[in-house]
N, C-alpha and C. Protein backbone atom coordinates (compact mmCIF):
# COMPACT_ATOMS: atom_id res chain seq x y z
N VAL A 1 119.93 86.65 95.48
CA VAL A 1 118.83 87.59 95.42
C VAL A 1 119.36 88.97 95.79
N ASN A 2 119.02 89.98 94.99
CA ASN A 2 119.40 91.36 95.25
C ASN A 2 118.15 92.22 95.40
N VAL A 3 118.12 93.04 96.43
CA VAL A 3 116.98 93.93 96.66
C VAL A 3 117.17 95.17 95.77
N LEU A 4 116.17 95.47 94.94
CA LEU A 4 116.21 96.61 94.02
C LEU A 4 115.51 97.83 94.60
N ALA A 5 114.45 97.61 95.37
CA ALA A 5 113.71 98.72 95.97
C ALA A 5 113.10 98.24 97.28
N PRO A 6 113.16 99.05 98.32
CA PRO A 6 113.71 100.40 98.33
C PRO A 6 115.23 100.36 98.31
N ARG A 7 115.82 101.50 98.05
CA ARG A 7 117.28 101.59 97.98
C ARG A 7 117.84 101.80 99.39
N PRO A 8 119.06 101.33 99.63
CA PRO A 8 119.69 101.57 100.94
C PRO A 8 119.74 103.07 101.25
N GLU A 9 119.49 103.39 102.49
CA GLU A 9 119.44 104.79 102.97
C GLU A 9 118.32 105.57 102.29
N GLY A 10 117.34 104.86 101.76
CA GLY A 10 116.23 105.50 101.06
C GLY A 10 115.21 106.11 102.00
N LEU A 11 114.44 107.04 101.46
CA LEU A 11 113.36 107.69 102.19
C LEU A 11 112.05 107.05 101.73
N VAL A 12 111.28 106.55 102.69
CA VAL A 12 110.01 105.89 102.41
C VAL A 12 108.91 106.71 103.06
N PHE A 13 107.90 107.08 102.27
CA PHE A 13 106.79 107.87 102.79
C PHE A 13 105.68 106.94 103.26
N ARG A 14 105.23 107.15 104.49
CA ARG A 14 104.23 106.27 105.09
C ARG A 14 102.85 106.42 104.45
N ASP A 15 102.61 107.53 103.75
CA ASP A 15 101.30 107.72 103.12
C ASP A 15 101.27 107.19 101.68
N GLU A 16 102.32 106.46 101.28
CA GLU A 16 102.37 105.82 99.96
C GLU A 16 102.65 104.34 100.13
N ASP A 17 102.03 103.52 99.28
CA ASP A 17 102.33 102.10 99.29
C ASP A 17 103.81 101.91 98.95
N LEU A 18 104.43 100.92 99.58
CA LEU A 18 105.83 100.61 99.32
C LEU A 18 105.91 99.30 98.54
N VAL A 19 106.54 99.34 97.40
CA VAL A 19 106.75 98.12 96.62
C VAL A 19 108.20 97.70 96.84
N VAL A 20 108.36 96.51 97.43
CA VAL A 20 109.69 95.94 97.61
C VAL A 20 109.94 95.05 96.40
N ARG A 21 111.06 95.30 95.71
CA ARG A 21 111.38 94.52 94.50
C ARG A 21 112.77 93.92 94.63
N TRP A 22 112.92 92.77 94.01
CA TRP A 22 114.21 92.09 94.00
C TRP A 22 114.39 91.38 92.69
N ASN A 23 115.63 91.02 92.38
CA ASN A 23 115.87 90.20 91.21
C ASN A 23 116.58 88.93 91.65
N GLY A 24 116.65 87.99 90.77
CA GLY A 24 117.18 86.68 91.13
C GLY A 24 116.05 85.75 91.48
N LYS A 25 116.39 84.53 91.77
CA LYS A 25 115.37 83.52 92.09
C LYS A 25 115.17 83.44 93.60
N GLN A 26 113.98 83.82 94.04
CA GLN A 26 113.70 83.75 95.47
C GLN A 26 113.32 82.33 95.86
N GLY A 27 113.31 82.09 97.16
CA GLY A 27 112.96 80.78 97.69
C GLY A 27 111.47 80.57 97.76
N ASN A 28 111.07 79.57 98.52
CA ASN A 28 109.66 79.24 98.69
C ASN A 28 108.91 80.32 99.45
N PHE A 29 109.62 81.08 100.27
CA PHE A 29 108.96 82.18 100.96
C PHE A 29 109.92 83.35 101.12
N VAL A 30 109.32 84.52 101.21
CA VAL A 30 110.07 85.76 101.42
C VAL A 30 109.50 86.40 102.68
N ARG A 31 110.39 86.87 103.52
CA ARG A 31 109.98 87.56 104.74
C ARG A 31 110.73 88.87 104.82
N ILE A 32 110.00 89.93 105.15
CA ILE A 32 110.59 91.25 105.32
C ILE A 32 110.31 91.69 106.75
N ILE A 33 111.38 92.00 107.47
CA ILE A 33 111.25 92.39 108.87
C ILE A 33 111.71 93.84 109.00
N LEU A 34 110.86 94.68 109.54
CA LEU A 34 111.19 96.07 109.78
C LEU A 34 111.46 96.22 111.27
N SER A 35 112.68 96.63 111.62
CA SER A 35 113.09 96.73 113.03
C SER A 35 113.58 98.13 113.35
N THR A 36 113.39 98.53 114.61
CA THR A 36 114.00 99.78 115.04
C THR A 36 115.51 99.61 114.90
N TYR A 37 116.20 100.72 114.72
CA TYR A 37 117.62 100.68 114.39
C TYR A 37 118.41 101.56 115.35
N SER A 38 119.52 101.05 115.84
CA SER A 38 120.39 101.82 116.72
C SER A 38 121.55 102.39 115.92
N GLU A 39 121.63 103.71 115.86
CA GLU A 39 122.75 104.37 115.19
C GLU A 39 124.06 104.07 115.92
N THR A 40 123.99 103.91 117.23
CA THR A 40 125.18 103.67 118.05
C THR A 40 125.82 102.32 117.74
N THR A 41 125.00 101.27 117.73
CA THR A 41 125.54 99.93 117.51
C THR A 41 125.52 99.50 116.05
N GLY A 42 124.70 100.19 115.23
CA GLY A 42 124.57 99.79 113.83
C GLY A 42 123.80 98.50 113.67
N ARG A 43 122.92 98.20 114.62
CA ARG A 43 122.17 96.95 114.60
C ARG A 43 120.67 97.18 114.75
N ALA A 44 119.93 96.16 114.33
CA ALA A 44 118.49 96.16 114.57
C ALA A 44 118.28 95.99 116.08
N VAL A 45 117.28 96.69 116.62
CA VAL A 45 117.02 96.62 118.05
C VAL A 45 115.81 95.75 118.34
N LYS A 46 114.69 96.07 117.72
CA LYS A 46 113.44 95.37 118.03
C LYS A 46 112.58 95.30 116.77
N PRO A 47 112.12 94.10 116.41
CA PRO A 47 111.22 94.01 115.25
C PRO A 47 109.93 94.79 115.51
N VAL A 48 109.50 95.54 114.52
CA VAL A 48 108.28 96.33 114.63
C VAL A 48 107.14 95.60 113.91
N ILE A 49 107.44 95.09 112.73
CA ILE A 49 106.42 94.40 111.95
C ILE A 49 107.10 93.43 110.98
N VAL A 50 106.41 92.34 110.69
CA VAL A 50 106.95 91.33 109.78
C VAL A 50 105.95 91.13 108.65
N PHE A 51 106.45 91.22 107.43
CA PHE A 51 105.64 90.98 106.24
C PHE A 51 106.15 89.68 105.62
N GLY A 52 105.26 88.87 105.13
CA GLY A 52 105.72 87.63 104.53
C GLY A 52 104.85 87.20 103.38
N ARG A 53 105.44 86.36 102.55
CA ARG A 53 104.72 85.81 101.42
C ARG A 53 105.26 84.43 101.12
N GLU A 54 104.36 83.46 101.10
CA GLU A 54 104.75 82.10 100.72
C GLU A 54 104.34 81.89 99.28
N PHE A 55 105.22 81.28 98.52
CA PHE A 55 104.97 81.10 97.10
C PHE A 55 104.40 79.73 96.77
N GLY A 56 104.82 78.69 97.48
CA GLY A 56 104.32 77.35 97.20
C GLY A 56 104.44 77.03 95.73
N GLU A 57 103.35 76.57 95.13
CA GLU A 57 103.35 76.21 93.72
C GLU A 57 102.87 77.35 92.82
N ASP A 58 102.47 78.48 93.41
CA ASP A 58 101.96 79.60 92.63
C ASP A 58 103.07 80.20 91.76
N PRO A 59 102.67 80.88 90.69
CA PRO A 59 103.67 81.60 89.90
C PRO A 59 104.38 82.61 90.80
N ARG A 60 105.65 82.76 90.60
CA ARG A 60 106.44 83.62 91.49
C ARG A 60 106.56 85.03 90.93
N SER A 61 106.52 85.97 91.83
CA SER A 61 106.66 87.38 91.49
C SER A 61 107.87 87.91 92.24
N ASN A 62 108.55 88.86 91.67
CA ASN A 62 109.72 89.43 92.33
C ASN A 62 109.39 90.75 93.00
N SER A 63 108.21 90.81 93.61
CA SER A 63 107.83 92.03 94.33
C SER A 63 106.82 91.71 95.42
N LEU A 64 106.74 92.61 96.38
CA LEU A 64 105.79 92.50 97.48
C LEU A 64 105.30 93.91 97.79
N LEU A 65 104.00 94.11 97.84
CA LEU A 65 103.41 95.42 98.13
C LEU A 65 103.12 95.53 99.62
N ILE A 66 103.63 96.59 100.23
CA ILE A 66 103.34 96.88 101.63
C ILE A 66 102.44 98.11 101.65
N SER A 67 101.24 97.93 102.11
CA SER A 67 100.21 98.98 102.08
C SER A 67 100.57 100.17 102.96
N SER A 68 100.19 101.36 102.49
CA SER A 68 100.41 102.56 103.29
C SER A 68 99.61 102.49 104.60
N LYS A 69 98.52 101.74 104.61
CA LYS A 69 97.74 101.58 105.85
C LYS A 69 98.59 100.93 106.93
N LEU A 70 99.40 99.97 106.54
CA LEU A 70 100.30 99.33 107.51
C LEU A 70 101.46 100.24 107.88
N LEU A 71 102.01 100.93 106.89
CA LEU A 71 103.15 101.81 107.15
C LEU A 71 102.77 102.94 108.10
N LYS A 72 101.52 103.41 108.04
CA LYS A 72 101.09 104.50 108.92
C LYS A 72 101.03 104.07 110.38
N LEU A 73 101.00 102.77 110.64
CA LEU A 73 100.99 102.27 112.02
C LEU A 73 102.38 102.34 112.66
N ILE A 74 103.38 102.57 111.85
CA ILE A 74 104.77 102.60 112.32
C ILE A 74 105.20 104.06 112.47
N PRO A 75 105.85 104.41 113.59
CA PRO A 75 106.27 105.81 113.76
C PRO A 75 107.37 106.20 112.77
N GLU A 76 107.55 107.50 112.59
CA GLU A 76 108.64 107.99 111.74
C GLU A 76 109.98 107.63 112.37
N GLY A 77 110.99 107.49 111.54
CA GLY A 77 112.33 107.23 112.05
C GLY A 77 113.13 106.35 111.11
N ARG A 78 114.32 105.97 111.58
CA ARG A 78 115.21 105.10 110.80
C ARG A 78 114.99 103.66 111.24
N PHE A 79 114.95 102.78 110.26
CA PHE A 79 114.68 101.37 110.51
C PHE A 79 115.61 100.50 109.70
N MET A 80 115.86 99.31 110.23
CA MET A 80 116.57 98.30 109.45
C MET A 80 115.53 97.41 108.81
N MET A 81 115.62 97.26 107.49
CA MET A 81 114.75 96.36 106.76
C MET A 81 115.56 95.11 106.42
N THR A 82 115.11 93.99 106.93
CA THR A 82 115.78 92.72 106.68
C THR A 82 114.94 91.95 105.66
N PHE A 83 115.57 91.60 104.58
CA PHE A 83 114.92 90.86 103.50
C PHE A 83 115.46 89.44 103.54
N MET A 84 114.57 88.47 103.72
CA MET A 84 114.99 87.08 103.80
C MET A 84 114.24 86.25 102.77
N SER A 85 114.98 85.55 101.95
CA SER A 85 114.41 84.63 100.97
C SER A 85 114.92 83.24 101.33
N ALA A 86 114.02 82.28 101.49
CA ALA A 86 114.45 80.97 101.98
C ALA A 86 113.68 79.82 101.33
N ASN A 87 114.29 78.68 101.38
CA ASN A 87 113.68 77.42 100.96
C ASN A 87 113.67 76.48 102.15
N ARG A 88 112.57 75.76 102.29
CA ARG A 88 112.44 74.72 103.32
C ARG A 88 111.81 73.52 102.65
N GLU A 89 112.45 72.41 102.76
CA GLU A 89 111.89 71.18 102.19
C GLU A 89 112.31 70.00 103.04
N GLU A 90 111.46 69.00 103.06
CA GLU A 90 111.82 67.75 103.71
C GLU A 90 112.39 66.82 102.66
N ALA A 91 113.40 66.07 103.06
CA ALA A 91 114.07 65.16 102.12
C ALA A 91 114.28 63.81 102.79
N ALA A 92 114.38 62.80 101.98
CA ALA A 92 114.68 61.46 102.47
C ALA A 92 116.12 61.11 102.07
N ILE A 93 116.82 60.53 103.00
CA ILE A 93 118.18 60.08 102.73
C ILE A 93 118.19 58.56 102.83
N GLU A 94 118.70 57.94 101.83
CA GLU A 94 118.72 56.48 101.78
C GLU A 94 119.47 55.94 103.00
N GLY A 95 118.86 54.97 103.65
CA GLY A 95 119.47 54.35 104.81
C GLY A 95 119.12 55.04 106.12
N TYR A 96 118.47 56.20 106.05
CA TYR A 96 118.08 56.92 107.25
C TYR A 96 116.56 56.80 107.37
N PRO A 97 116.04 56.37 108.52
CA PRO A 97 114.60 56.05 108.62
C PRO A 97 113.66 57.25 108.58
N ASP A 98 114.10 58.42 108.99
CA ASP A 98 113.23 59.59 109.07
C ASP A 98 113.56 60.59 107.98
N ARG A 99 112.57 61.42 107.64
CA ARG A 99 112.82 62.52 106.71
C ARG A 99 113.53 63.63 107.47
N ILE A 100 114.34 64.41 106.77
CA ILE A 100 115.07 65.50 107.40
C ILE A 100 114.63 66.83 106.78
N LEU A 101 114.78 67.90 107.54
CA LEU A 101 114.44 69.23 107.07
C LEU A 101 115.70 69.88 106.52
N VAL A 102 115.61 70.35 105.27
CA VAL A 102 116.73 71.03 104.62
C VAL A 102 116.31 72.48 104.41
N GLN A 103 117.15 73.42 104.86
CA GLN A 103 116.84 74.85 104.73
C GLN A 103 118.03 75.61 104.16
N ALA A 104 117.73 76.64 103.39
CA ALA A 104 118.76 77.55 102.89
C ALA A 104 118.13 78.94 102.84
N ALA A 105 118.91 79.96 103.17
CA ALA A 105 118.36 81.32 103.18
C ALA A 105 119.39 82.32 102.67
N SER A 106 118.86 83.38 102.05
CA SER A 106 119.65 84.53 101.64
C SER A 106 119.09 85.72 102.39
N ILE A 107 119.94 86.46 103.09
CA ILE A 107 119.47 87.57 103.93
C ILE A 107 120.21 88.85 103.54
N ARG A 108 119.44 89.92 103.36
CA ARG A 108 120.01 91.24 103.05
C ARG A 108 119.42 92.25 104.03
N ASN A 109 120.24 93.16 104.50
CA ASN A 109 119.79 94.23 105.40
C ASN A 109 120.05 95.58 104.76
N LEU A 110 119.11 96.50 104.96
CA LEU A 110 119.32 97.87 104.52
C LEU A 110 118.61 98.81 105.47
N ILE A 111 119.11 100.03 105.52
CA ILE A 111 118.55 101.05 106.39
C ILE A 111 117.66 101.97 105.58
N ILE A 112 116.45 102.23 106.10
CA ILE A 112 115.54 103.17 105.44
C ILE A 112 115.05 104.18 106.48
N THR A 113 114.54 105.31 105.99
CA THR A 113 113.93 106.30 106.85
C THR A 113 112.46 106.41 106.49
N LEU A 114 111.59 106.24 107.49
CA LEU A 114 110.14 106.39 107.28
C LEU A 114 109.74 107.82 107.65
N ARG A 115 109.00 108.45 106.75
CA ARG A 115 108.48 109.81 107.01
C ARG A 115 107.01 109.85 106.78
């Protein structure tokens, strides 16, 4: 999965809806985490807000709309946006009495500036 929008080091305006777009086949759910960002360490510091979408059996879309109403709740500044696409399923293994949880995830990080 590749994130198409927003672009790395992009400028995002809080008074406009943000459409996050990706290509490739996403998993059963997509989660986007916006965290404060430390220029010194180059790492996410503290999650500010988490957006998510579960797809289940519904037709899948390669985008997620984040409302400007939500973006306005977040102060201006630089943030790390973590995009996570994952699958979770239970499976049975022959000869093993219990079902097991199988998970796989693709994670991408990018830095954006909110204004």
